Amino acid sequence: MESEVFIPQEYVASCYDYDALFYCEKGKKGQDGHGAPCATTTVEVRGAQAQGWETGNKTGNSISNIDLNGFNLNEELSIGIKLYMIYQNIAFQYEQNNLKSNFGEYYFLGKKAEHKTLDFLPKIKSYLYWFSCGYGERPLYSIYFSFFIIFLFTALFLLVGIDIEGDVIQYSNLKMIEGLSFGEFLKHLLRAFSLSTSLFSGVGDELCEPTIQSVILADIEMIFGVIVMGLGIGTLTRKIVR
């Protein structure tokens, strides 16, 4: 019998790395009766690349359940996984045809669909990747994420302590809050915001500085600033090049 040519995308989505056995039909693709079990086909899938060949074993039963890293291809795949596989395959086709903008859009949609299927720790990583740069496809997300970090550290500096022209401001000390006027609060808030912005951008602030207790916060924010600005510039450059 002439060996049948195996076409990977006819049988599986190319989103996983795995080895599998398939039972394909007698005759070549397009002939009548295609799909009935008659021969064993060995498949190696590595991302978007796949190789397949017949083993010579012409007997066997059709496979109804294939386990892919804990997911059952026929019964247990969630809607999120199915959507992810669809979007990733569409993105792959756009990339193959050099339609980079379309590829990026479907890659983003695929990653959002995949996010819903992840366990706790991978989902946390996915959240950070999503919010910080939109999975590398949304430069504006980096700006939003930057503002979030700046405002977050502004609040933390007010709680832990900052030095404003020689006066230590620490809102965790309840006595300091008592009798605090709105004007004084607004002044402290603006100074803390200025400090947070300068640390995030790495330029420093002459009128306000962290206290001994909040130095570690300043170091963490500077690290965040370097990473997020790098992600934002990289994402923007990637979109412009496309």
C-alpha atoms as a PDB file:
ATOM      1  CA  MET A   1       0.000   0.000   0.000  1.00  0.00           C
ATOM      2  CA  GLU A   2       1.312   3.454  -0.861  1.00  0.00           C
ATOM      3  CA  SER A   3       2.082   5.507   2.226  1.00  0.00           C
ATOM      4  CA  GLU A   4      -0.299   8.347   2.924  1.00  0.00           C
ATOM      5  CA  VAL A   5       1.111  11.859   3.269  1.00  0.00           C
ATOM      6  CA  PHE A   6       0.469  13.154   6.784  1.00  0.00           C
ATOM      7  CA  ILE A   7      -0.747  16.740   7.097  1.00  0.00           C
ATOM      8  CA  PRO A   8      -0.339  17.878  10.741  1.00  0.00           C
ATOM      9  CA  GLN A   9      -2.879  20.696  10.752  1.00  0.00           C
ATOM     10  CA  GLU A  10      -5.526  18.328   9.416  1.00  0.00           C
ATOM     11  CA  TYR A  11      -5.398  16.422  12.694  1.00  0.00           C
ATOM     12  CA  VAL A  12      -4.105  18.641  15.473  1.00  0.00           C
ATOM     13  CA  ALA A  13      -3.621  22.297  16.363  1.00  0.00           C
ATOM     14  CA  SER A  14       0.070  23.135  16.411  1.00  0.00           C
ATOM     15  CA  CYS A  15       0.037  24.774  19.854  1.00  0.00           C
ATOM     16  CA  TYR A  16       1.654  22.033  21.945  1.00  0.00           C
ATOM     17  CA  ASP A  17       4.857  20.038  22.037  1.00  0.00           C
ATOM     18  CA  TYR A  18       4.032  16.335  22.182  1.00  0.00           C
ATOM     19  CA  ASP A  19       4.279  12.940  20.518  1.00  0.00           C
ATOM     20  CA  ALA A  20       1.145  11.041  19.516  1.00  0.00           C
ATOM     21  CA  LEU A  21      -0.183   8.151  17.448  1.00  0.00           C
ATOM     22  CA  PHE A  22      -3.029   8.590  14.962  1.00  0.00           C
ATOM     23  CA  TYR A  23      -4.942   6.040  12.910  1.00  0.00           C
ATOM     24  CA  CYS A  24      -5.555   7.430   9.434  1.00  0.00           C
ATOM     25  CA  GLU A  25      -7.612   6.134   6.540  1.00  0.00           C
ATOM     26  CA  LYS A  26      -6.714   3.929   3.664  1.00  0.00           C
ATOM     27  CA  GLY A  27      -5.911   5.849   0.519  1.00  0.00           C
ATOM     28  CA  LYS A  28      -4.612   9.308  -0.137  1.00  0.00           C
ATOM     29  CA  LYS A  29      -6.128  12.612   0.968  1.00  0.00           C
ATOM     30  CA  GLY A  30      -9.234  13.456  -1.011  1.00  0.00           C
ATOM     31  CA  GLN A  31     -10.166   9.868  -1.949  1.00  0.00           C
ATOM     32  CA  ASP A  32     -13.433   8.312  -0.852  1.00  0.00           C
ATOM     33  CA  GLY A  33     -13.416   6.660   2.543  1.00  0.00           C
ATOM     34  CA  HIS A  34     -10.709   8.914   3.971  1.00  0.00           C
ATOM     35  CA  GLY A  35     -10.808   8.822   7.766  1.00  0.00           C
ATOM     36  CA  ALA A  36     -11.526   5.179   8.553  1.00  0.00           C
ATOM     37  CA  PRO A  37      -8.895   3.475  10.764  1.00  0.00           C
ATOM     38  CA  CYS A  38      -6.370   1.366   8.886  1.00  0.00           C
ATOM     39  CA  ALA A  39      -2.810   2.546   9.538  1.00  0.00           C
ATOM     40  CA  THR A  40      -0.866   3.936  12.474  1.00  0.00           C
ATOM     41  CA  THR A  41       0.727   7.358  11.998  1.00  0.00           C
ATOM     42  CA  THR A  42       3.398   8.602  14.389  1.00  0.00           C
ATOM     43  CA  VAL A  43       3.382  12.354  14.952  1.00  0.00           C
ATOM     44  CA  GLU A  44       5.945  14.661  16.536  1.00  0.00           C
ATOM     45  CA  VAL A  45       4.694  18.199  17.116  1.00  0.00           C
ATOM     46  CA  ARG A  46       7.117  20.925  18.205  1.00  0.00           C
ATOM     47  CA  GLY A  47       5.268  24.213  18.365  1.00  0.00           C
ATOM     48  CA  ALA A  48       4.262  25.098  14.824  1.00  0.00           C
ATOM     49  CA  GLN A  49       6.467  22.365  13.317  1.00  0.00           C
ATOM     50  CA  ALA A  50       5.285  18.785  12.894  1.00  0.00           C
ATOM     51  CA  GLN A  51       6.557  15.600  11.320  1.00  0.00           C
ATOM     52  CA  GLY A  52       4.533  12.490  10.579  1.00  0.00           C
ATOM     53  CA  TRP A  53       4.989   9.116   8.967  1.00  0.00           C
ATOM     54  CA  GLU A  54       3.268   5.742   8.738  1.00  0.00           C
ATOM     55  CA  THR A  55       4.796   2.975  10.795  1.00  0.00           C
ATOM     56  CA  GLY A  56       3.762   0.031   8.621  1.00  0.00           C
ATOM     57  CA  ASN A  57       1.339  -1.258  11.234  1.00  0.00           C
ATOM     58  CA  LYS A  58      -1.888  -1.496   9.222  1.00  0.00           C
ATOM     59  CA  THR A  59      -4.142  -2.668  12.037  1.00  0.00           C
ATOM     60  CA  GLY A  60      -5.613  -0.963  15.022  1.00  0.00           C
ATOM     61  CA  ASN A  61      -8.583   0.851  16.448  1.00  0.00           C
ATOM     62  CA  SER A  62      -9.320   4.505  15.935  1.00  0.00           C
ATOM     63  CA  ILE A  63      -8.163   6.768  18.763  1.00  0.00           C
ATOM     64  CA  SER A  64     -11.005   8.643  20.460  1.00  0.00           C
ATOM     65  CA  ASN A  65      -9.093  10.259  23.341  1.00  0.00           C
ATOM     66  CA  ILE A  66      -5.678  11.919  23.129  1.00  0.00           C
ATOM     67  CA  ASP A  67      -4.157  13.370  26.284  1.00  0.00           C
ATOM     68  CA  LEU A  68      -2.225  16.620  25.798  1.00  0.00           C
ATOM     69  CA  ASN A  69      -0.524  17.574  29.057  1.00  0.00           C
ATOM     70  CA  GLY A  70      -3.634  16.769  31.083  1.00  0.00           C
ATOM     71  CA  PHE A  71      -6.183  18.039  28.533  1.00  0.00           C
ATOM     72  CA  ASN A  72      -8.404  15.614  26.646  1.00  0.00           C
ATOM     73  CA  LEU A  73      -8.602  16.613  22.997  1.00  0.00           C
ATOM     74  CA  ASN A  74     -12.185  15.433  22.526  1.00  0.00           C
ATOM     75  CA  GLU A  75     -13.916  15.904  25.864  1.00  0.00           C
ATOM     76  CA  GLU A  76     -12.082  17.993  28.416  1.00  0.00           C
ATOM     77  CA  LEU A  77     -10.744  20.993  26.525  1.00  0.00           C
ATOM     78  CA  SER A  78     -12.196  24.166  28.010  1.00  0.00           C
ATOM     79  CA  ILE A  79     -13.590  26.950  25.863  1.00  0.00           C
ATOM     80  CA  GLY A  80     -10.492  29.015  26.725  1.00  0.00           C
ATOM     81  CA  ILE A  81      -8.126  26.336  25.400  1.00  0.00           C
ATOM     82  CA  LYS A  82     -10.170  25.906  22.228  1.00  0.00           C
ATOM     83  CA  LEU A  83     -10.200  29.655  21.610  1.00  0.00           C
ATOM     84  CA  TYR A  84      -6.467  29.843  22.312  1.00  0.00           C
ATOM     85  CA  MET A  85      -5.766  27.083  19.775  1.00  0.00           C
ATOM     86  CA  ILE A  86      -7.950  28.791  17.157  1.00  0.00           C
ATOM     87  CA  TYR A  87      -6.398  32.234  17.659  1.00  0.00           C
ATOM     88  CA  GLN A  88      -2.849  30.864  17.668  1.00  0.00           C
ATOM     89  CA  ASN A  89      -3.407  28.996  14.423  1.00  0.00           C
ATOM     90  CA  ILE A  90      -4.919  32.075  12.782  1.00  0.00           C
ATOM     91  CA  ALA A  91      -1.964  34.139  14.028  1.00  0.00           C
ATOM     92  CA  PHE A  92       0.454  31.552  12.648  1.00  0.00           C
ATOM     93  CA  GLN A  93      -1.200  31.736   9.217  1.00  0.00           C
ATOM     94  CA  TYR A  94      -0.963  35.542   9.201  1.00  0.00           C
ATOM     95  CA  GLU A  95       2.708  35.357  10.195  1.00  0.00           C
ATOM     96  CA  GLN A  96       3.405  32.853   7.423  1.00  0.00           C
ATOM     97  CA  ASN A  97       1.885  35.322   4.936  1.00  0.00           C
ATOM     98  CA  ASN A  98       3.924  38.216   6.395  1.00  0.00           C
ATOM     99  CA  LEU A  99       0.824  40.040   7.703  1.00  0.00           C
ATOM    100  CA  LYS A 100       2.483  41.105  10.929  1.00  0.00           C
ATOM    101  CA  SER A 101      -0.207  43.486  12.211  1.00  0.00           C
ATOM    102  CA  ASN A 102      -2.897  40.827  11.896  1.00  0.00           C
ATOM    103  CA  PHE A 103      -0.582  38.301  13.507  1.00  0.00           C
ATOM    104  CA  GLY A 104      -0.085  40.575  16.531  1.00  0.00           C
ATOM    105  CA  GLU A 105      -3.806  41.096  17.031  1.00  0.00           C
ATOM    106  CA  TYR A 106      -4.653  37.396  17.011  1.00  0.00           C
ATOM    107  CA  TYR A 107      -1.613  36.586  19.135  1.00  0.00           C
ATOM    108  CA  PHE A 108      -2.949  39.038  21.741  1.00  0.00           C
ATOM    109  CA  LEU A 109      -6.438  37.501  21.601  1.00  0.00           C
ATOM    110  CA  GLY A 110      -4.939  34.030  21.894  1.00  0.00           C
ATOM    111  CA  LYS A 111      -2.911  34.944  24.977  1.00  0.00           C
ATOM    112  CA  LYS A 112      -6.025  36.424  26.614  1.00  0.00           C
ATOM    113  CA  ALA A 113      -7.915  33.203  25.959  1.00  0.00           C
ATOM    114  CA  GLU A 114      -5.007  31.121  27.265  1.00  0.00           C
ATOM    115  CA  HIS A 115      -4.874  33.259  30.436  1.00  0.00           C
ATOM    116  CA  LYS A 116      -8.281  31.940  31.555  1.00  0.00           C
ATOM    117  CA  THR A 117      -7.003  28.357  31.542  1.00  0.00           C
ATOM    118  CA  LEU A 118      -3.800  28.840  33.566  1.00  0.00           C
ATOM    119  CA  ASP A 119      -3.075  27.741  37.121  1.00  0.00           C
ATOM    120  CA  PHE A 120      -2.390  30.245  39.902  1.00  0.00           C
ATOM    121  CA  LEU A 121       1.327  31.011  39.449  1.00  0.00           C
ATOM    122  CA  PRO A 122       1.324  31.010  35.621  1.00  0.00           C
ATOM    123  CA  LYS A 123      -1.771  33.225  35.768  1.00  0.00           C
ATOM    124  CA  ILE A 124       0.084  35.764  37.955  1.00  0.00           C
ATOM    125  CA  LYS A 125       2.891  35.895  35.361  1.00  0.00           C
ATOM    126  CA  SER A 126       0.299  36.242  32.619  1.00  0.00           C
ATOM    127  CA  TYR A 127      -1.351  39.142  34.483  1.00  0.00           C
ATOM    128  CA  LEU A 128       1.972  40.987  34.697  1.00  0.00           C
ATOM    129  CA  TYR A 129       2.745  40.368  31.023  1.00  0.00           C
ATOM    130  CA  TRP A 130      -0.789  41.447  30.090  1.00  0.00           C
ATOM    131  CA  PHE A 131      -0.964  44.620  32.167  1.00  0.00           C
ATOM    132  CA  SER A 132       2.620  45.770  31.584  1.00  0.00           C
ATOM    133  CA  CYS A 133       2.669  45.642  27.766  1.00  0.00           C
ATOM    134  CA  GLY A 134      -0.399  43.780  26.486  1.00  0.00           C
ATOM    135  CA  TYR A 135       1.598  40.626  25.746  1.00  0.00           C
ATOM    136  CA  GLY A 136       4.000  42.737  23.704  1.00  0.00           C
ATOM    137  CA  GLU A 137       1.209  44.079  21.481  1.00  0.00           C
ATOM    138  CA  ARG A 138      -0.198  47.099  23.383  1.00  0.00           C
ATOM    139  CA  PRO A 139       2.319  49.951  23.965  1.00  0.00           C
ATOM    140  CA  LEU A 140      -0.317  52.068  25.753  1.00  0.00           C
ATOM    141  CA  TYR A 141      -0.617  49.395  28.437  1.00  0.00           C
ATOM    142  CA  SER A 142       2.937  50.239  29.517  1.00  0.00           C
ATOM    143  CA  ILE A 143       1.892  53.869  30.108  1.00  0.00           C
ATOM    144  CA  TYR A 144      -1.148  52.817  32.138  1.00  0.00           C
ATOM    145  CA  PHE A 145       0.950  50.358  34.133  1.00  0.00           C
ATOM    146  CA  SER A 146       3.582  53.041  34.775  1.00  0.00           C
ATOM    147  CA  PHE A 147       0.972  55.412  36.229  1.00  0.00           C
ATOM    148  CA  PHE A 148      -0.363  52.599  38.400  1.00  0.00           C
ATOM    149  CA  ILE A 149       3.102  51.915  39.847  1.00  0.00           C
ATOM    150  CA  ILE A 150       3.772  55.635  40.419  1.00  0.00           C
ATOM    151  CA  PHE A 151       0.486  56.155  42.300  1.00  0.00           C
ATOM    152  CA  LEU A 152       0.974  52.943  44.266  1.00  0.00           C
ATOM    153  CA  PHE A 153       4.416  53.993  45.487  1.00  0.00           C
ATOM    154  CA  THR A 154       3.139  57.511  46.191  1.00  0.00           C
ATOM    155  CA  ALA A 155       0.719  56.005  48.723  1.00  0.00           C
ATOM    156  CA  LEU A 156       3.407  53.684  50.127  1.00  0.00           C
ATOM    157  CA  PHE A 157       5.852  56.569  50.623  1.00  0.00           C
ATOM    158  CA  LEU A 158       3.228  58.542  52.560  1.00  0.00           C
ATOM    159  CA  LEU A 159       2.571  55.529  54.795  1.00  0.00           C
ATOM    160  CA  VAL A 160       6.168  54.403  55.375  1.00  0.00           C
ATOM    161  CA  GLY A 161       7.759  57.856  55.428  1.00  0.00           C
ATOM    162  CA  ILE A 162       9.372  60.561  53.314  1.00  0.00           C
ATOM    163  CA  ASP A 163      11.562  63.550  54.143  1.00  0.00           C
ATOM    164  CA  ILE A 164      10.130  66.820  52.812  1.00  0.00           C
ATOM    165  CA  GLU A 165      12.666  69.629  53.300  1.00  0.00           C
ATOM    166  CA  GLY A 166      13.724  68.224  56.662  1.00  0.00           C
ATOM    167  CA  ASP A 167      10.250  67.248  57.904  1.00  0.00           C
ATOM    168  CA  VAL A 168       9.535  63.513  58.142  1.00  0.00           C
ATOM    169  CA  ILE A 169       6.017  62.696  56.909  1.00  0.00           C
ATOM    170  CA  GLN A 170       4.710  59.284  57.954  1.00  0.00           C
ATOM    171  CA  TYR A 171       0.976  58.653  57.771  1.00  0.00           C
ATOM    172  CA  SER A 172       1.299  55.314  59.551  1.00  0.00           C
ATOM    173  CA  ASN A 173       1.790  57.498  62.634  1.00  0.00           C
ATOM    174  CA  LEU A 174      -1.823  58.275  63.535  1.00  0.00           C
ATOM    175  CA  LYS A 175      -0.844  61.333  65.601  1.00  0.00           C
ATOM    176  CA  MET A 176       0.418  63.007  62.423  1.00  0.00           C
ATOM    177  CA  ILE A 177      -2.936  62.544  60.699  1.00  0.00           C
ATOM    178  CA  GLU A 178      -4.881  64.150  63.552  1.00  0.00           C
ATOM    179  CA  GLY A 179      -5.652  67.773  62.757  1.00  0.00           C
ATOM    180  CA  LEU A 180      -4.118  67.510  59.280  1.00  0.00           C
ATOM    181  CA  SER A 181      -5.675  70.107  56.967  1.00  0.00           C
ATOM    182  CA  PHE A 182      -6.610  69.378  53.350  1.00  0.00           C
ATOM    183  CA  GLY A 183      -3.991  71.870  52.160  1.00  0.00           C
ATOM    184  CA  GLU A 184      -1.233  70.100  54.091  1.00  0.00           C
ATOM    185  CA  PHE A 185      -2.411  66.706  52.822  1.00  0.00           C
ATOM    186  CA  LEU A 186      -2.410  67.985  49.235  1.00  0.00           C
ATOM    187  CA  LYS A 187       1.129  69.341  49.682  1.00  0.00           C
ATOM    188  CA  HIS A 188       2.355  65.997  51.050  1.00  0.00           C
ATOM    189  CA  LEU A 189       0.595  64.113  48.253  1.00  0.00           C
ATOM    190  CA  LEU A 190       2.163  66.241  45.527  1.00  0.00           C
ATOM    191  CA  ARG A 191       5.637  65.916  47.070  1.00  0.00           C
ATOM    192  CA  ALA A 192       5.262  62.145  47.382  1.00  0.00           C
ATOM    193  CA  PHE A 193       4.002  61.943  43.804  1.00  0.00           C
ATOM    194  CA  SER A 194       6.977  63.997  42.614  1.00  0.00           C
ATOM    195  CA  LEU A 195       9.373  61.703  44.481  1.00  0.00           C
ATOM    196  CA  SER A 196       7.700  58.584  43.093  1.00  0.00           C
ATOM    197  CA  THR A 197       7.797  59.937  39.531  1.00  0.00           C
ATOM    198  CA  SER A 198      11.446  60.945  39.782  1.00  0.00           C
ATOM    199  CA  LEU A 199      12.471  57.568  41.200  1.00  0.00           C
ATOM    200  CA  PHE A 200      10.499  55.693  38.532  1.00  0.00           C
ATOM    201  CA  SER A 201      12.223  57.679  35.797  1.00  0.00           C
ATOM    202  CA  GLY A 202      15.598  57.546  37.578  1.00  0.00           C
ATOM    203  CA  VAL A 203      16.249  61.319  37.789  1.00  0.00           C
ATOM    204  CA  GLY A 204      15.898  61.990  41.537  1.00  0.00           C
ATOM    205  CA  ASP A 205      14.214  64.809  43.510  1.00  0.00           C
ATOM    206  CA  GLU A 206      16.021  67.626  45.342  1.00  0.00           C
ATOM    207  CA  LEU A 207      13.142  68.754  47.592  1.00  0.00           C
ATOM    208  CA  CYS A 208      11.988  65.339  48.787  1.00  0.00           C
ATOM    209  CA  GLU A 209      13.775  62.090  49.583  1.00  0.00           C
ATOM    210  CA  PRO A 210      12.965  58.724  51.140  1.00  0.00           C
ATOM    211  CA  THR A 211      13.621  58.089  54.809  1.00  0.00           C
ATOM    212  CA  ILE A 212      15.733  55.208  56.117  1.00  0.00           C
ATOM    213  CA  GLN A 213      12.566  53.106  56.395  1.00  0.00           C
ATOM    214  CA  SER A 214      11.463  53.791  52.797  1.00  0.00           C
ATOM    215  CA  VAL A 215      14.820  53.463  51.012  1.00  0.00           C
ATOM    216  CA  ILE A 216      14.001  49.874  50.043  1.00  0.00           C
ATOM    217  CA  LEU A 217      10.764  51.116  48.432  1.00  0.00           C
ATOM    218  CA  ALA A 218      12.765  53.628  46.404  1.00  0.00           C
ATOM    219  CA  ASP A 219      15.098  50.890  45.165  1.00  0.00           C
ATOM    220  CA  ILE A 220      12.199  48.624  44.199  1.00  0.00           C
ATOM    221  CA  GLU A 221      10.446  51.420  42.302  1.00  0.00           C
ATOM    222  CA  MET A 222      13.599  52.267  40.353  1.00  0.00           C
ATOM    223  CA  ILE A 223      13.929  48.621  39.312  1.00  0.00           C
ATOM    224  CA  PHE A 224      10.273  48.578  38.245  1.00  0.00           C
ATOM    225  CA  GLY A 225      10.844  51.784  36.303  1.00  0.00           C
ATOM    226  CA  VAL A 226      13.764  50.377  34.324  1.00  0.00           C
ATOM    227  CA  ILE A 227      11.858  47.167  33.484  1.00  0.00           C
ATOM    228  CA  VAL A 228       8.532  48.780  32.547  1.00  0.00           C
ATOM    229  CA  MET A 229      10.109  51.535  30.451  1.00  0.00           C
ATOM    230  CA  GLY A 230      12.184  48.906  28.660  1.00  0.00           C
ATOM    231  CA  LEU A 231       9.054  46.849  27.967  1.00  0.00           C
ATOM    232  CA  GLY A 232       7.183  49.916  26.747  1.00  0.00           C
ATOM    233  CA  ILE A 233       9.963  51.058  24.408  1.00  0.00           C
ATOM    234  CA  GLY A 234      10.439  47.519  23.098  1.00  0.00           C
ATOM    235  CA  THR A 235       6.708  47.064  22.453  1.00  0.00           C
ATOM    236  CA  LEU A 236       6.420  50.448  20.736  1.00  0.00           C
ATOM    237  CA  THR A 237       9.478  49.757  18.554  1.00  0.00           C
ATOM    238  CA  ARG A 238       8.065  46.378  17.597  1.00  0.00           C
ATOM    239  CA  LYS A 239       4.770  47.937  16.488  1.00  0.00           C
ATOM    240  CA  ILE A 240       6.517  50.697  14.500  1.00  0.00           C
ATOM    241  CA  VAL A 241       8.788  48.236  12.714  1.00  0.00           C
ATOM    242  CA  ARG A 242       5.743  46.231  11.643  1.00  0.00           C
END
